[in-house]
Amino acid sequence: MFYIYRKAAVDSTTTIYTRIKRPGRVSLFGCREGWLPWILKRKLEGTNASEPWQWHLTESEICRELEIDETQPSGNALVIDLKPGRGVELYEIVEAWGHSDCGWTPIMLRLRELKGKPSCSPTIDRFAVDNVACGPPVFSFYYVIGTIKNGDIFGKWTLPPPSSTNSVFLWPEAMTFFTEQANRVLASEFANT
């Protein structure tokens, strides 16, 4: 399950996340309703980018494009509940990378675990996050049927149907790109510890 939250810093160690209630469900993928292709489409405006094309959505780009309320600039987040219906385990999508080629786009997401304050029992609607206790970066991989052509998204940008071969296949160029990006994140993260 995916959600959009408004973030508000209480101090340097605590951030309050409040779920923004929207009609329907929040989708990450899909050319009509998916947030990632929508944000990417906005980034592509005025370019002539075509496959093979490697792209990156930063935290500030994601936050800016999620601005639903103009009075709360850059204070929104896309959040994944990894265990819907079986407890609360929430991760914020911090960055996204893709390698669009041959009609497909493998995607790597950088996630930040949202650990609640000990005195605060998290609910899905509003919770406090201990910024210091957040774990190391976590990476998640997907692939979608869709690509980049002539400065626009092309195809459905949906996940393939369920099958026994739904693992993410990464050709050398995509693997090298994702490895370089993950190593950059990890080096930066662990340089601060």
Foldseek 3Di string as FASTA:
>chain_A
DKFKWFWDDPDPFKIKTATDDDPDDQACFWCPRHLVQVLLLVVLPPHQDFPQDKDKDAQQSSQQVPCPDPVRHSGMWMKDQPDPPPDGWIWTFGMKMWGFHPQKIKMKTKIKTFDFDPVWDDDPGMTMGGNVPIDAIDMDIFMFRWGDGGSHIGDTRHGDPDDPPRDDDDDPVRVVVVVVVVVVRVVVVVVVD
